[in-house]
Amino acid sequence: MEFRNRTISVTNSTLSTLIDELGTECQNVITLIHQLQLPELSDRQKAEILAEFLSAAIHLNVHCGEDFQTLIAEEMAILSDDDEED
């Protein structure tokens, strides 16, 4: 599944870009998990996959920091309450 070809329905273009990048990195993590599940990996292959996994984990940690959370909160604040039942 590729996220880049789909429109993200948020008003803030920075948030849209960050969500797109997050989707891409999550796809990368899933791919790495699948690679780790392959039988008969050499220690070198495992080390390379784990190094990429560590890099992805660090990127996700930084990516999902306070600024990203603030952008999400701001986006949520502008949403209407039309879907709430009285």
C-alpha atoms as a PDB file:
ATOM      1  CA  MET A   1       0.000   0.000   0.000  1.00  0.00           C
ATOM      2  CA  GLU A   2       1.459   3.349  -1.004  1.00  0.00           C
ATOM      3  CA  PHE A   3       0.375   6.452   0.891  1.00  0.00           C
ATOM      4  CA  ARG A   4       1.905   9.045  -1.403  1.00  0.00           C
ATOM      5  CA  ASN A   5      -0.749   8.683  -4.093  1.00  0.00           C
ATOM      6  CA  ARG A   6      -3.619   9.396  -1.740  1.00  0.00           C
ATOM      7  CA  THR A   7      -4.865  12.724  -0.449  1.00  0.00           C
ATOM      8  CA  ILE A   8      -4.822  13.152   3.304  1.00  0.00           C
ATOM      9  CA  SER A   9      -7.879  15.040   4.474  1.00  0.00           C
ATOM     10  CA  VAL A  10      -6.396  17.546   6.887  1.00  0.00           C
ATOM     11  CA  THR A  11      -6.251  21.289   6.408  1.00  0.00           C
ATOM     12  CA  ASN A  12      -2.665  21.865   7.556  1.00  0.00           C
ATOM     13  CA  SER A  13      -0.211  21.063   4.758  1.00  0.00           C
ATOM     14  CA  THR A  14       2.649  20.473   7.220  1.00  0.00           C
ATOM     15  CA  LEU A  15       0.557  17.933   9.117  1.00  0.00           C
ATOM     16  CA  SER A  16      -0.416  16.285   5.844  1.00  0.00           C
ATOM     17  CA  THR A  17       3.245  15.929   4.870  1.00  0.00           C
ATOM     18  CA  LEU A  18       4.192  14.580   8.287  1.00  0.00           C
ATOM     19  CA  ILE A  19       1.374  12.017   8.197  1.00  0.00           C
ATOM     20  CA  ASP A  20       2.478  10.950   4.727  1.00  0.00           C
ATOM     21  CA  GLU A  21       6.065  10.548   5.935  1.00  0.00           C
ATOM     22  CA  LEU A  22       4.858   8.633   8.991  1.00  0.00           C
ATOM     23  CA  GLY A  23       2.943   6.228   6.755  1.00  0.00           C
ATOM     24  CA  THR A  24       6.026   5.631   4.642  1.00  0.00           C
ATOM     25  CA  GLU A  25       8.186   4.969   7.709  1.00  0.00           C
ATOM     26  CA  CYS A  26       5.582   2.605   9.159  1.00  0.00           C
ATOM     27  CA  GLN A  27       5.589   0.675   5.880  1.00  0.00           C
ATOM     28  CA  ASN A  28       9.370   0.457   6.184  1.00  0.00           C
ATOM     29  CA  VAL A  29       9.058  -0.948   9.719  1.00  0.00           C
ATOM     30  CA  ILE A  30       6.574  -3.591   8.561  1.00  0.00           C
ATOM     31  CA  THR A  31       8.954  -4.589   5.775  1.00  0.00           C
ATOM     32  CA  LEU A  32      11.801  -4.913   8.279  1.00  0.00           C
ATOM     33  CA  ILE A  33       9.653  -7.066  10.574  1.00  0.00           C
ATOM     34  CA  HIS A  34       8.845  -9.350   7.645  1.00  0.00           C
ATOM     35  CA  GLN A  35      12.546  -9.575   6.811  1.00  0.00           C
ATOM     36  CA  LEU A  36      13.334 -10.593  10.385  1.00  0.00           C
ATOM     37  CA  GLN A  37      10.789 -13.399  10.045  1.00  0.00           C
ATOM     38  CA  LEU A  38      12.640 -14.942   7.111  1.00  0.00           C
ATOM     39  CA  PRO A  39      14.200 -18.311   7.900  1.00  0.00           C
ATOM     40  CA  GLU A  40      17.931 -18.873   7.847  1.00  0.00           C
ATOM     41  CA  LEU A  41      19.122 -15.269   8.011  1.00  0.00           C
ATOM     42  CA  SER A  42      22.840 -14.925   8.530  1.00  0.00           C
ATOM     43  CA  ASP A  43      24.078 -12.916  11.488  1.00  0.00           C
ATOM     44  CA  ARG A  44      25.240 -10.230   9.059  1.00  0.00           C
ATOM     45  CA  GLN A  45      21.768 -10.014   7.495  1.00  0.00           C
ATOM     46  CA  LYS A  46      20.160  -9.817  10.940  1.00  0.00           C
ATOM     47  CA  ALA A  47      22.585  -7.088  11.961  1.00  0.00           C
ATOM     48  CA  GLU A  48      21.799  -5.046   8.835  1.00  0.00           C
ATOM     49  CA  ILE A  49      18.051  -5.418   9.331  1.00  0.00           C
ATOM     50  CA  LEU A  50      18.297  -4.555  13.028  1.00  0.00           C
ATOM     51  CA  ALA A  51      20.431  -1.495  12.243  1.00  0.00           C
ATOM     52  CA  GLU A  52      17.770  -0.283   9.810  1.00  0.00           C
ATOM     53  CA  PHE A  53      15.116  -1.095  12.398  1.00  0.00           C
ATOM     54  CA  LEU A  54      16.951   0.993  15.007  1.00  0.00           C
ATOM     55  CA  SER A  55      17.212   3.884  12.577  1.00  0.00           C
ATOM     56  CA  ALA A  56      13.484   3.650  11.804  1.00  0.00           C
ATOM     57  CA  ALA A  57      12.605   3.516  15.509  1.00  0.00           C
ATOM     58  CA  ILE A  58      14.680   6.625  16.203  1.00  0.00           C
ATOM     59  CA  HIS A  59      13.079   8.412  13.254  1.00  0.00           C
ATOM     60  CA  LEU A  60       9.580   7.497  14.444  1.00  0.00           C
ATOM     61  CA  ASN A  61      10.385   8.651  17.970  1.00  0.00           C
ATOM     62  CA  VAL A  62      11.613  12.019  16.727  1.00  0.00           C
ATOM     63  CA  HIS A  63       8.870  12.311  14.117  1.00  0.00           C
ATOM     64  CA  CYS A  64       6.051  11.791  16.618  1.00  0.00           C
ATOM     65  CA  GLY A  65       7.294  14.406  19.056  1.00  0.00           C
ATOM     66  CA  GLU A  66       5.533  17.342  20.631  1.00  0.00           C
ATOM     67  CA  ASP A  67       5.315  19.452  17.454  1.00  0.00           C
ATOM     68  CA  PHE A  68       3.557  16.634  15.584  1.00  0.00           C
ATOM     69  CA  GLN A  69       1.194  16.086  18.496  1.00  0.00           C
ATOM     70  CA  THR A  70       0.438  19.816  18.626  1.00  0.00           C
ATOM     71  CA  LEU A  71      -0.399  19.878  14.908  1.00  0.00           C
ATOM     72  CA  ILE A  72      -2.799  16.968  15.397  1.00  0.00           C
ATOM     73  CA  ALA A  73      -4.438  18.679  18.385  1.00  0.00           C
ATOM     74  CA  GLU A  74      -4.829  21.907  16.387  1.00  0.00           C
ATOM     75  CA  GLU A  75      -6.408  19.982  13.504  1.00  0.00           C
ATOM     76  CA  MET A  76      -8.807  18.273  15.886  1.00  0.00           C
ATOM     77  CA  ALA A  77      -9.761  21.617  17.454  1.00  0.00           C
ATOM     78  CA  ILE A  78     -11.068  22.961  14.153  1.00  0.00           C
ATOM     79  CA  LEU A  79     -13.311  19.970  13.497  1.00  0.00           C
ATOM     80  CA  SER A  80     -17.025  20.473  13.986  1.00  0.00           C
ATOM     81  CA  ASP A  81     -19.085  18.496  16.488  1.00  0.00           C
ATOM     82  CA  ASP A  82     -21.720  17.636  13.844  1.00  0.00           C
ATOM     83  CA  ASP A  83     -21.283  13.905  14.322  1.00  0.00           C
ATOM     84  CA  GLU A  84     -22.115  13.995  18.031  1.00  0.00           C
ATOM     85  CA  GLU A  85     -25.547  12.832  19.065  1.00  0.00           C
ATOM     86  CA  ASP A  86     -27.571  15.048  21.374  1.00  0.00           C
END
